[in-house]
Protein backbone atom coordinates (compact mmCIF):
# COMPACT_ATOMS: atom_id res chain seq x y z
CA MET A 1 120.42 170.88 45.53
CA GLN A 2 116.47 171.53 46.32
CA PHE A 3 115.35 168.08 46.62
CA LEU A 4 117.59 168.00 50.06
CA THR A 5 116.03 171.20 51.42
CA GLN A 6 113.99 170.35 54.71
CA ALA A 7 114.02 166.75 53.64
CA PRO A 8 111.34 164.18 54.88
CA ARG A 9 112.59 161.08 56.46
CA PHE A 10 111.68 159.23 53.65
CA LEU A 11 112.96 159.79 50.31
CA PHE A 12 112.10 157.61 47.05
CA PHE A 13 114.43 157.84 44.02
CA THR A 14 112.55 156.62 40.91
CA GLY A 15 113.10 156.60 37.21
CA LYS A 16 113.79 154.86 34.17
CA GLY A 17 116.65 152.81 33.96
CA GLY A 18 119.95 154.34 33.62
CA VAL A 19 118.93 158.09 34.80
CA GLY A 20 121.35 157.56 37.70
CA LYS A 21 119.09 156.82 40.39
CA THR A 22 122.10 154.37 42.51
CA SER A 23 124.68 157.23 41.95
CA ILE A 24 122.59 160.05 43.11
CA ALA A 25 121.14 158.04 45.80
CA CYS A 26 124.37 157.10 47.40
CA ALA A 27 125.67 161.19 46.33
CA ALA A 28 122.04 162.46 48.69
CA ALA A 29 122.84 160.01 51.46
CA VAL A 30 126.39 160.77 51.59
CA GLN A 31 125.79 165.07 51.52
CA LEU A 32 123.22 164.47 54.56
CA ALA A 33 125.28 161.94 56.63
CA GLY A 34 128.25 164.48 55.90
CA GLU A 35 125.90 166.74 57.91
CA GLY A 36 125.73 164.85 60.85
CA LYS A 37 122.44 162.88 59.68
CA ARG A 38 121.79 159.15 60.31
CA VAL A 39 121.36 157.89 57.13
CA LEU A 40 120.51 154.55 56.17
CA LEU A 41 120.50 153.85 52.45
CA VAL A 42 118.02 150.38 50.98
CA SER A 43 118.25 149.47 47.74
CA THR A 44 115.12 147.80 46.80
CA ASP A 45 116.38 146.97 43.09
CA PRO A 46 116.84 143.11 42.41
CA ALA A 47 119.70 144.24 40.72
CA SER A 48 121.26 146.09 43.36
CA ASN A 49 124.87 148.15 42.23
CA VAL A 50 124.98 150.38 45.82
CA GLY A 51 128.04 148.51 47.03
CA GLN A 52 129.94 148.51 43.78
CA VAL A 53 129.17 152.41 44.14
CA PHE A 54 131.07 152.67 47.20
CA GLY A 55 133.62 149.65 46.95
CA GLU A 56 131.70 147.62 49.66
CA SER A 57 130.27 144.18 49.97
CA ILE A 58 126.86 144.93 51.36
CA GLY A 59 124.35 142.60 50.82
CA ASN A 60 120.57 141.94 52.31
CA ARG A 61 121.74 143.03 56.04
CA VAL A 62 122.85 146.80 57.59
CA THR A 63 126.07 147.63 56.94
CA ALA A 64 128.29 150.48 57.75
CA ILE A 65 129.99 152.23 55.19
CA PRO A 66 133.15 152.73 57.33
CA ALA A 67 134.53 155.52 54.66
CA VAL A 68 131.58 157.90 55.52
CA PRO A 69 130.12 158.68 59.36
CA ASN A 70 126.29 158.01 60.29
CA LEU A 71 126.13 156.26 56.39
CA TRP A 72 124.85 152.64 57.22
CA ALA A 73 123.35 150.52 53.50
CA LEU A 74 121.64 147.62 52.90
CA GLU A 75 120.74 145.84 49.36
CA ILE A 76 117.57 143.67 49.78
CA ASP A 77 118.00 140.52 47.87
CA PRO A 78 114.65 139.51 46.88
CA GLN A 79 116.56 135.35 47.24
CA ALA A 80 117.66 136.11 50.34
CA ALA A 81 114.76 138.01 51.68
CA ALA A 82 112.67 134.83 50.05
CA GLN A 83 114.52 131.97 51.44
CA ALA A 84 114.01 133.98 55.23
CA TYR A 85 110.57 134.31 54.98
CA ARG A 86 110.10 130.14 53.23
CA ASP A 87 111.26 129.78 56.95
CA ARG A 88 109.46 131.98 59.11
CA ILE A 89 106.01 129.91 56.87
CA VAL A 90 107.67 126.35 57.37
CA GLY A 91 109.20 126.16 60.34
CA PRO A 92 106.43 125.60 62.45
CA VAL A 93 104.61 122.86 60.41
CA ARG A 94 107.82 120.93 60.29
CA GLY A 95 107.67 117.95 61.97
CA VAL A 96 104.23 118.69 62.81
CA LEU A 97 102.37 118.30 59.79
CA PRO A 98 103.08 115.39 57.58
CA ASP A 99 106.24 115.19 54.56
CA GLU A 100 104.07 115.47 51.86
CA ALA A 101 102.25 118.31 53.51
CA VAL A 102 105.33 120.22 54.09
CA ARG A 103 106.72 119.87 50.32
CA SER A 104 103.58 120.80 49.34
CA ILE A 105 103.48 124.44 51.14
CA GLU A 106 107.63 124.36 50.14
CA GLU A 107 106.38 124.07 46.26
CA GLN A 108 103.51 126.71 46.61
CA LEU A 109 106.78 129.03 47.99
CA SER A 110 109.13 128.30 45.08
CA GLY A 111 107.80 131.13 42.46
CA ALA A 112 108.69 134.23 41.53
CA CYS A 113 105.40 135.74 43.49
CA THR A 114 106.97 134.69 47.10
CA THR A 115 110.44 136.24 46.20
CA GLU A 116 108.05 139.14 45.20
CA ILE A 117 106.19 139.53 48.36
CA ALA A 118 109.55 138.30 50.55
CA ALA A 119 111.31 141.64 48.96
CA PHE A 120 108.33 144.24 49.74
CA ASP A 121 107.59 142.33 52.79
CA GLU A 122 111.18 143.55 54.14
CA PHE A 123 110.68 146.84 52.12
CA THR A 124 107.20 147.83 54.02
CA ALA A 125 108.59 146.60 57.76
CA LEU A 126 111.39 149.82 56.88
CA LEU A 127 108.67 151.68 56.21
CA THR A 128 106.55 150.76 59.75
CA ASP A 129 108.85 149.43 62.13
CA ALA A 130 110.05 152.21 64.87
CA ALA A 131 111.80 149.45 66.15
CA LEU A 132 114.14 148.73 63.34
CA THR A 133 114.11 152.77 62.28
CA ALA A 134 114.46 153.96 65.30
CA GLY A 135 118.57 155.02 65.08
CA TYR A 136 118.25 156.46 61.61
CA GLU A 137 116.78 159.84 60.93
CA HIS A 138 116.75 159.93 57.06
CA ILE A 139 116.40 156.30 54.79
CA LEU A 140 116.73 156.68 51.49
CA PHE A 141 115.39 154.19 48.81
CA ASP A 142 117.15 153.46 45.49
CA THR A 143 114.48 151.73 43.68
CA ALA A 144 114.28 149.85 41.17
CA PRO A 145 113.48 151.48 37.83
CA THR A 146 110.11 152.30 37.18
CA GLY A 147 108.11 149.01 36.25
CA HIS A 148 109.06 147.08 39.26
CA THR A 149 109.19 150.36 41.33
CA ILE A 150 105.54 151.26 40.87
CA ARG A 151 104.71 147.27 41.28
CA LEU A 152 105.95 147.81 45.13
CA LEU A 153 104.71 151.03 45.73
CA GLN A 154 101.26 149.61 44.79
CA LEU A 155 102.10 146.24 46.30
CA PRO A 156 100.95 147.71 50.23
CA GLY A 157 97.25 148.83 49.05
CA ALA A 158 96.81 145.11 46.41
CA TRP A 159 98.15 143.36 49.14
CA SER A 160 96.32 145.07 52.24
CA GLY A 161 92.66 145.28 50.01
CA PHE A 162 93.28 141.52 49.09
CA LEU A 163 93.64 140.37 52.78
CA GLU A 164 90.18 142.49 53.53
CA ALA A 165 88.15 140.77 51.37
CA GLY A 166 89.51 137.73 52.35
CA GLN A 167 90.90 134.59 51.16
CA GLY A 168 90.23 132.07 48.22
CA ASP A 169 91.90 128.61 46.78
CA ALA A 170 94.66 131.22 45.60
CA SER A 171 97.68 129.54 43.46
CA CYS A 172 99.68 131.92 46.11
CA LEU A 173 98.00 130.15 48.69
CA GLY A 174 101.19 129.24 50.11
CA PRO A 175 102.71 132.82 49.76
CA LEU A 176 99.65 134.36 51.21
CA ALA A 177 99.80 132.32 54.48
CA GLY A 178 102.37 134.89 56.10
CA LEU A 179 100.49 137.80 55.02
CA GLU A 180 97.77 137.80 57.18
CA LYS A 181 99.94 138.70 60.21
CA GLN A 182 101.34 141.70 57.94
CA ARG A 183 97.88 143.33 57.67
CA SER A 184 98.50 146.37 59.93
CA GLN A 185 101.76 146.54 58.88
CA TYR A 186 100.74 146.95 55.35
CA GLN A 187 98.15 149.61 56.40
CA GLN A 188 100.58 151.67 57.84
CA ALA A 189 103.55 151.41 54.60
CA VAL A 190 100.12 153.18 52.80
CA ALA A 191 99.62 155.67 55.39
CA ALA A 192 103.57 156.26 55.32
CA LEU A 193 103.60 156.56 51.73
CA ALA A 194 100.91 159.01 51.27
CA ASP A 195 102.14 161.21 53.79
CA ALA A 196 103.82 164.90 52.87
CA GLN A 197 105.30 165.38 56.09
CA ARG A 198 107.11 161.77 55.60
CA THR A 199 107.77 160.87 51.99
CA ARG A 200 109.28 162.72 48.73
CA LEU A 201 109.53 160.91 46.01
CA LEU A 202 112.33 161.82 43.57
CA LEU A 203 111.25 161.61 39.92
CA VAL A 204 115.07 160.93 38.12
CA ALA A 205 115.17 162.04 34.53
CA ARG A 206 117.56 162.82 32.14
CA ALA A 207 117.42 165.41 29.17
CA GLN A 208 115.87 163.20 26.91
CA ARG A 209 112.13 162.60 25.51
CA ALA A 210 111.90 158.78 26.46
CA THR A 211 113.20 159.31 30.28
CA LEU A 212 110.85 162.44 30.72
CA ARG A 213 107.71 160.74 28.92
CA GLU A 214 108.30 158.10 31.73
CA ALA A 215 108.61 160.72 34.35
CA ALA A 216 105.59 161.75 33.20
CA ARG A 217 103.56 158.29 33.72
CA THR A 218 105.37 157.77 36.69
CA HIS A 219 104.36 160.83 38.23
CA GLU A 220 100.60 160.30 37.09
CA GLU A 221 100.55 157.20 38.38
CA LEU A 222 102.05 157.42 41.69
CA ALA A 223 99.71 160.69 42.47
CA ALA A 224 96.71 158.46 42.21
CA ILE A 225 98.04 156.37 44.85
CA GLY A 226 98.90 158.87 47.21
CA LEU A 227 102.47 159.73 46.44
CA SER A 228 102.08 163.44 45.55
CA GLN A 229 105.45 164.64 47.39
CA GLN A 230 107.41 164.49 43.84
CA HIS A 231 110.28 166.26 42.97
CA LEU A 232 111.95 166.22 39.48
CA VAL A 233 115.51 165.73 39.09
CA ILE A 234 117.08 166.06 35.26
CA ASN A 235 120.74 164.43 35.34
CA GLY A 236 123.44 164.63 33.15
CA VAL A 237 122.98 167.36 31.36
CA PHE A 238 125.66 168.70 29.37
CA PRO A 239 126.98 171.83 30.61
CA ALA A 240 126.85 174.34 27.67
CA ASP A 241 130.08 175.74 28.55
CA ALA A 242 132.40 172.55 27.67
CA VAL A 243 131.47 172.79 24.00
CA GLY A 244 133.76 174.20 22.83
CA GLN A 245 134.82 173.72 19.01
CA ASP A 246 133.19 169.65 18.85
CA ALA A 247 129.94 169.62 16.56
CA LEU A 248 129.28 166.30 18.51
CA ALA A 249 128.98 168.41 22.27
CA ALA A 250 127.10 170.98 20.58
CA ALA A 251 124.32 168.79 19.19
CA ILE A 252 123.71 166.92 22.18
CA VAL A 253 123.70 170.68 24.22
CA ARG A 254 120.65 172.12 21.01
CA ARG A 255 119.07 168.63 21.76
CA GLU A 256 118.59 168.85 24.99
CA GLN A 257 117.97 171.97 25.62
CA ALA A 258 115.23 171.13 23.08
CA THR A 259 113.55 168.49 25.27
CA LEU A 260 113.60 170.44 28.22
CA ALA A 261 111.90 173.67 26.63
CA ASP A 262 109.17 170.64 25.40
CA ILE A 263 108.79 169.12 28.57
CA PRO A 264 105.85 167.00 29.55
CA LEU A 265 102.72 169.29 31.09
CA ALA A 266 102.28 167.35 33.90
CA LEU A 267 105.87 167.76 35.02
CA GLN A 268 106.48 171.41 34.88
CA ALA A 269 104.93 172.39 38.21
CA LEU A 270 106.97 169.93 40.31
CA PRO A 271 110.35 171.44 41.81
CA ARG A 272 112.78 171.04 39.97
CA ASP A 273 117.05 170.20 40.12
CA GLN A 274 119.81 169.70 37.28
CA ILE A 275 123.37 167.83 38.10
CA ALA A 276 125.67 168.63 34.88
CA LEU A 277 127.29 165.82 33.16
CA LYS A 278 130.42 164.80 34.72
CA PRO A 279 133.41 163.58 32.87
CA PHE A 280 134.00 160.60 35.75
CA ASN A 281 133.20 157.60 36.70
CA LEU A 282 130.50 157.70 39.57
CA VAL A 283 132.13 155.47 41.58
CA GLY A 284 134.05 155.72 44.73
CA LEU A 285 133.81 158.37 47.70
CA ASP A 286 135.15 161.02 45.71
CA ALA A 287 133.51 161.40 42.19
CA LEU A 288 129.94 161.02 44.55
CA ARG A 289 130.62 164.44 47.06
CA HIS A 290 131.25 166.06 43.52
CA LEU A 291 128.34 164.91 41.66
CA LEU A 292 125.67 167.37 43.48
CA ALA A 293 128.45 169.65 43.10
CA ASP A 294 128.70 172.59 40.66
CA ALA A 295 131.89 171.97 40.17
CA ALA A 296 132.76 170.09 36.58
CA SER A 297 134.88 167.59 38.21
CA PRO A 298 137.39 166.74 40.86
CA GLY A 299 140.46 167.34 39.02
CA PRO A 300 141.07 169.83 35.97
CA LEU A 301 140.47 168.98 32.46
CA ASP A 302 142.58 168.19 29.80
CA ALA A 303 143.07 166.66 26.09
CA THR A 304 143.08 163.27 26.55
CA ALA A 305 145.20 161.62 24.28
CA LEU A 306 142.40 158.87 22.19
CA PRO A 307 143.74 155.98 19.72
CA ALA A 308 143.25 157.62 15.99
CA THR A 309 140.35 155.09 15.52
CA LEU A 310 138.95 152.76 17.51
CA ALA A 311 139.39 148.85 15.85
CA ALA A 312 135.83 147.11 16.96
CA PRO A 313 133.01 144.93 15.21
CA ASP A 314 130.15 147.18 14.02
CA LEU A 315 126.08 145.88 15.50
CA ALA A 316 125.88 145.21 10.89
CA ALA A 317 128.32 142.45 11.58
CA LEU A 318 125.93 140.70 14.07
CA VAL A 319 122.95 141.45 12.06
CA ASP A 320 124.49 139.46 9.27
CA ASP A 321 124.69 136.67 11.71
CA ILE A 322 121.41 136.67 12.86
CA ALA A 323 119.93 137.25 9.37
CA ALA A 324 121.56 134.13 8.19
CA ASP A 325 119.59 131.97 10.06
CA GLY A 326 116.25 133.10 8.84
CA HIS A 327 114.28 132.22 11.99
CA GLY A 328 114.22 132.69 15.97
CA LEU A 329 114.60 134.34 19.15
CA VAL A 330 116.43 137.49 19.76
CA MET A 331 115.90 138.49 23.25
CA VAL A 332 118.26 142.15 24.14
CA MET A 333 118.65 142.29 27.86
CA GLY A 334 120.81 144.23 30.14
CA LYS A 335 120.80 146.96 33.28
CA GLY A 336 117.82 149.47 32.86
CA GLY A 337 119.29 152.37 30.65
CA VAL A 338 121.69 150.93 27.94
CA GLY A 339 119.65 151.44 25.25
CA LYS A 340 117.87 148.13 24.88
CA THR A 341 114.77 149.44 23.74
CA THR A 342 116.81 151.42 20.82
CA LEU A 343 118.79 148.16 20.16
CA ALA A 344 116.62 145.77 19.48
CA ALA A 345 113.99 148.19 17.53
CA ALA A 346 117.31 148.91 15.28
CA ILE A 347 117.65 145.18 14.85
CA ALA A 348 114.01 144.64 13.76
CA VAL A 349 113.85 147.12 11.43
CA GLU A 350 116.73 146.35 10.00
CA LEU A 351 116.03 142.40 9.73
CA ALA A 352 112.52 143.51 8.23
CA GLN A 353 114.25 146.10 5.55
CA ARG A 354 115.62 142.93 4.50
CA GLY A 355 112.38 141.48 3.59
CA LEU A 356 112.54 138.95 6.60
CA PRO A 357 109.46 139.04 9.36
CA VAL A 358 110.01 140.43 12.39
CA HIS A 359 107.39 141.20 15.09
CA LEU A 360 109.03 143.16 17.65
CA SER A 361 107.91 142.56 21.57
CA THR A 362 108.72 143.78 24.84
CA SER A 363 108.32 143.03 28.24
CA ASP A 364 109.43 145.64 29.87
CA PRO A 365 106.54 147.59 32.06
CA ALA A 366 108.06 151.02 30.82
CA ALA A 367 109.39 150.31 26.85
CA HIS A 368 106.95 151.83 24.40
CA LEU A 369 108.49 150.82 21.55
CA ALA A 370 105.88 152.60 19.00
CA GLU A 371 107.22 155.57 20.16
CA THR A 372 110.55 154.29 19.37
CA LEU A 373 109.93 153.35 15.65
CA GLU A 374 108.01 156.55 14.91
CA GLY A 375 106.90 154.43 11.45
CA THR A 376 105.90 151.46 10.56
CA LEU A 377 107.22 148.66 7.84
CA PRO A 378 105.26 145.71 5.78
CA GLN A 379 107.04 143.56 7.47
CA LEU A 380 107.15 144.61 10.83
CA THR A 381 104.62 143.87 13.81
CA LEU A 382 104.53 145.49 17.20
CA SER A 383 103.41 144.26 20.47
CA ARG A 384 104.18 144.51 23.99
CA ILE A 385 102.99 142.47 27.30
CA ASP A 386 101.50 144.68 28.98
CA PRO A 387 101.27 142.94 32.86
CA HIS A 388 97.45 144.89 33.01
CA GLU A 389 95.78 143.00 29.96
CA ALA A 390 97.70 139.99 30.21
CA THR A 391 96.28 140.01 33.71
CA ALA A 392 92.33 140.30 32.27
CA ARG A 393 92.76 138.17 29.60
CA TYR A 394 94.00 135.00 32.11
CA ARG A 395 91.66 136.32 34.38
CA GLN A 396 88.61 135.81 31.40
CA GLN A 397 90.35 132.99 30.23
CA VAL A 398 90.57 130.98 33.75
CA LEU A 399 86.56 132.24 34.06
CA GLY A 400 85.33 130.68 31.07
CA THR A 401 86.95 127.16 31.46
CA LYS A 402 87.27 126.98 35.27
CA GLY A 403 84.84 129.01 36.34
CA ALA A 404 82.17 127.58 33.65
CA THR A 405 81.17 124.82 35.87
CA LEU A 406 81.60 126.29 39.48
CA ASP A 407 78.18 127.38 40.81
CA ALA A 408 77.61 130.70 42.58
CA GLN A 409 79.55 129.79 45.46
CA GLY A 410 82.76 127.99 43.60
CA ARG A 411 82.84 130.63 40.93
CA ALA A 412 82.71 133.64 43.51
CA LEU A 413 85.59 131.97 45.24
CA LEU A 414 87.72 131.74 42.20
CA GLU A 415 87.26 135.69 41.34
CA GLU A 416 88.21 136.28 44.49
CA ASP A 417 91.27 134.46 43.97
CA LEU A 418 92.61 135.36 40.28
CA ARG A 419 91.78 139.64 42.08
CA SER A 420 95.13 138.14 44.05
CA PRO A 421 98.27 140.40 43.00
CA CYS A 422 100.19 136.78 42.25
CA THR A 423 97.91 136.57 39.71
CA GLU A 424 100.00 139.09 36.93
CA GLU A 425 102.93 136.81 37.58
CA ILE A 426 101.13 133.59 35.74
CA ALA A 427 99.56 136.62 33.01
CA VAL A 428 102.60 137.85 32.48
CA PHE A 429 105.03 134.25 31.71
CA GLN A 430 102.20 133.24 29.76
CA ALA A 431 102.14 135.66 27.03
CA PHE A 432 106.10 136.00 27.38
CA SER A 433 105.66 132.16 26.39
CA ARG A 434 103.32 132.82 23.57
CA THR A 435 104.84 135.64 22.04
CA ILE A 436 108.62 133.63 21.69
CA ARG A 437 106.61 130.74 20.18
CA GLU A 438 106.66 132.37 17.14
CA ALA A 439 110.16 132.31 16.65
CA GLY A 440 110.06 129.11 15.17
CA LYS A 441 108.57 130.94 11.67
CA LYS A 442 109.67 133.88 11.91
CA PHE A 443 112.26 136.35 13.71
CA VAL A 444 110.87 137.56 16.99
CA VAL A 445 112.91 140.40 18.18
CA MET A 446 112.53 140.68 22.46
CA ASP A 447 113.29 143.49 24.47
CA THR A 448 113.42 142.75 27.57
CA ALA A 449 112.59 144.88 30.89
CA PRO A 450 115.98 145.98 33.24
CA THR A 451 118.38 142.80 35.01
CA GLY A 452 116.28 142.14 38.10
CA HIS A 453 112.25 142.25 36.94
CA THR A 454 113.62 140.20 34.25
CA LEU A 455 115.16 137.47 35.96
CA LEU A 456 111.78 137.31 38.55
CA LEU A 457 110.70 136.25 34.75
CA LEU A 458 112.89 133.46 33.92
CA ASP A 459 112.72 132.37 37.44
CA ALA A 460 108.82 131.99 36.66
CA THR A 461 110.16 130.14 33.23
CA GLY A 462 112.16 128.12 35.27
CA ALA A 463 109.42 126.42 37.30
CA TYR A 464 107.23 126.36 34.80
CA HIS A 465 109.68 123.91 32.79
CA ARG A 466 110.32 121.81 36.61
CA GLU A 467 106.96 121.18 36.96
CA ILE A 468 106.22 119.93 33.15
CA ALA A 469 109.21 117.86 33.45
CA ARG A 470 108.41 116.77 36.33
CA GLN A 471 104.63 115.31 35.19
CA MET A 472 106.26 114.32 32.12
CA ALA A 473 108.82 112.05 33.75
CA GLY A 474 108.53 108.65 32.87
CA THR A 475 105.26 109.22 30.10
CA GLY A 476 108.10 108.70 27.04
CA LEU A 477 105.68 111.87 25.58
CA HIS A 478 108.10 114.79 23.97
CA TYR A 479 108.07 117.97 24.79
CA THR A 480 109.14 121.47 24.43
CA THR A 481 109.01 124.43 27.54
CA PRO A 482 109.90 128.09 26.76
CA MET A 483 113.24 127.43 28.93
CA MET A 484 114.30 124.51 26.62
CA GLN A 485 113.33 127.62 24.01
CA LEU A 486 116.06 129.89 25.38
CA GLN A 487 118.66 127.05 26.77
CA ASP A 488 119.08 126.28 22.88
CA PRO A 489 121.41 127.90 21.04
CA ARG A 490 120.06 127.08 17.35
CA GLN A 491 116.37 128.89 18.70
CA THR A 492 117.51 131.82 20.74
CA LYS A 493 120.13 134.67 20.59
CA VAL A 494 120.60 136.70 23.78
CA LEU A 495 122.41 139.85 23.18
CA ILE A 496 123.31 141.59 26.21
CA ALA A 497 123.42 145.18 26.15
CA THR A 498 125.40 147.59 28.32
CA LEU A 499 127.70 151.16 28.37
CA ALA A 500 131.37 151.50 28.73
CA GLU A 501 131.23 152.20 31.68
CA THR A 502 132.13 150.57 35.21
CA THR A 503 128.94 149.97 36.90
CA PRO A 504 127.03 148.83 33.73
CA VAL A 505 129.81 146.24 32.65
CA LEU A 506 130.04 144.74 35.84
CA GLU A 507 126.22 144.26 35.61
CA ALA A 508 126.33 142.74 32.37
CA ALA A 509 128.95 140.24 33.79
CA HIS A 510 126.62 139.39 36.98
CA LEU A 511 123.84 138.69 34.30
CA GLN A 512 126.05 136.51 32.49
CA ASP A 513 126.78 134.65 35.49
CA ASP A 514 123.21 134.59 36.51
CA LEU A 515 122.28 132.97 32.73
CA ARG A 516 124.48 130.89 32.70
CA ARG A 517 123.37 129.24 35.93
CA ALA A 518 120.22 129.01 34.37
CA GLY A 519 121.78 127.01 31.47
CA ILE A 520 121.35 129.91 28.84
CA GLU A 521 124.76 131.23 27.32
CA PRO A 522 125.06 134.75 25.94
CA TRP A 523 125.53 134.82 22.62
CA ALA A 524 127.02 138.05 22.13
CA TRP A 525 127.67 141.71 23.96
CA VAL A 526 126.60 144.88 22.33
CA VAL A 527 128.42 148.28 23.90
CA ASN A 528 126.34 150.65 23.25
CA ASN A 529 126.08 154.78 22.69
CA SER A 530 129.87 155.05 23.28
CA VAL A 531 131.89 158.01 23.27
CA ALA A 532 135.11 156.50 22.15
CA ALA A 533 133.68 155.11 19.01
CA ALA A 534 132.76 159.03 17.70
CA GLN A 535 136.01 160.29 18.10
CA PRO A 536 134.93 164.02 19.77
CA GLN A 537 137.11 166.79 20.65
CA SER A 538 135.62 168.33 23.73
CA PRO A 539 137.87 167.76 26.26
CA LEU A 540 134.80 166.70 28.45
CA LEU A 541 133.88 164.29 26.52
CA ARG A 542 137.67 163.16 25.01
CA GLN A 543 137.62 162.34 29.02
CA ARG A 544 134.86 160.37 29.16
CA ALA A 545 136.13 158.49 26.51
CA GLN A 546 138.99 157.58 27.77
CA ASN A 547 137.12 156.28 30.80
CA GLU A 548 135.50 154.10 28.16
CA LEU A 549 138.61 151.93 26.58
CA ARG A 550 139.52 150.37 30.01
CA GLU A 551 135.66 148.86 29.85
CA ILE A 552 135.58 148.32 26.18
CA ASP A 553 139.00 146.27 26.65
CA ALA A 554 137.18 143.91 29.35
CA VAL A 555 134.01 143.09 27.55
CA ALA A 556 136.50 142.25 24.44
CA THR A 557 138.76 140.22 26.56
CA GLN A 558 137.28 139.14 29.35
CA HIS A 559 133.14 138.59 28.78
CA ALA A 560 132.36 138.30 25.66
CA ARG A 561 132.48 136.10 23.07
CA ARG A 562 131.49 138.15 20.19
CA TYR A 563 130.68 142.01 20.90
CA ALA A 564 130.26 145.05 18.41
CA VAL A 565 130.75 148.58 19.80
CA VAL A 566 128.11 151.29 18.85
CA PRO A 567 129.11 154.93 18.78
CA LEU A 568 127.29 157.91 20.48
CA LEU A 569 125.37 159.57 17.80
CA ALA A 570 124.62 163.47 17.73
CA GLU A 571 120.50 162.57 16.96
CA GLU A 572 118.53 160.86 19.33
CA PRO A 573 117.81 157.54 17.36
CA VAL A 574 114.06 157.46 16.95
CA GLY A 575 112.75 156.98 14.02
CA LEU A 576 113.38 154.08 11.35
CA ALA A 577 115.69 155.99 9.57
CA ARG A 578 118.07 156.99 12.72
CA LEU A 579 117.25 153.31 13.79
CA ARG A 580 118.57 151.90 10.79
CA GLN A 581 122.24 154.44 11.09
CA LEU A 582 122.53 152.87 14.38
CA VAL A 583 123.17 149.46 12.73
CA GLN A 584 125.07 150.88 9.45
CA CYS A 585 127.70 153.36 11.72
CA LYS A 586 130.92 152.06 12.18
CA PRO A 587 132.89 153.03 15.31
CA SER A 588 135.45 155.56 14.52
């Protein structure tokens, strides 16, 4: 693989969710370690599954991988990092300041903004602290899906600039208390990220229009902040010599080759690698060692036996139950790359085709619903919670209300406060709250960001609920918060999307556990893009289908109250007609 040729010290793997960043990062780490290089593999994804890939419990500490000499791994746990960050700030003043003051500081440090700052604080230390990383020749970062990663990589510059300008009376003043000391560290991090001799960014995509468009946008955004040393890796390309007489496989190859022939202009000049689709699940050391190799699999392919039919419910049955309510909030959640945007769009289109009013929205910074729909319907409205637009709107709102009564000095301080990166957290939460309130009169179908990003949004939602509950305690007045709406099964149906693969199912199960801890009970699971449900004929696809059966059974018997299976289609589900086909298509 070209991307490992003369590899610099820092390698960042980023891309749209589900393109295989973690698998490729893990495989690259194994290969470099096998060459005798001491390697640290770091996950900055709030929903990390590096530990699952290696079959090891890793967590928020540097952990040796016993089966791979020279390899260590670390999963930056946002919650653990946030607690350590809080302890570092509050510890010195506990017993010195009055208890009330200490409680106030702790309250300021309880939000999602602190979580983000703390995780980013650990991330920058790995780029700049020579003593911390002196023992490693390469540090590989398996990052969160694109939108979250761009935010992370922009933060060193954003916080450095904000601190340079000075601090106002920010709502995130508590989190900021620990940042001033880190000013030089953040400046060094910016320099490391922009240094082509030290840093290489790997844009991971698949031979799909959506992931390549996302890679092109990422390329431009990161080049704009100085990350110019970039390399394109296209994962999971169906090998043309494995088609045989299978019409589905032939259609996939035609679709992928047409997509690669029309690759976005912004990406054409980048160095490029392609990794062939493998028939095996990318879990375990043996699979990782074969991922970057030319060989198709660790073992020979065979004509794997499959059941004549896959007895599983279809998506249409779930949509029937949703439509019967006449209105409500439908939230599609899951790991990146499982098809949340497509499924949300398909459900919204089907409801609108039945004459029901529908608002389709997304909280995913990397999602582009209009590109999936490629059309309009009379009953369907479309929106996107864009962090930049939401933040600009929020700033204008605050300046027009709180700022209207301030003198020039006070207004200048307020404007400075609103330039804090923490402002985005508040703005996105407000936009999310406005959108879901519409569900009392119509259907609101929400395509959510990948798991980690969504959990941070839910954290903000929970913090707001707790604050309102505290303020309203003893008043006797009725109130409803967004969290109460999400927790009410009469108002909200949460659909967990997954693929019939080991890691996505485990990730979906962990998401379900997180939701239940927040008092939100998932309504149904949707197993998307099932090869087994499509009844393929090619040996490669049949082996993948055989691997799926165990995971589909686990969803049906262990995890989901109700579920549906959506077959892999020969054509990408883009456009109104194909989205409806996705709903109406039954497992074979």
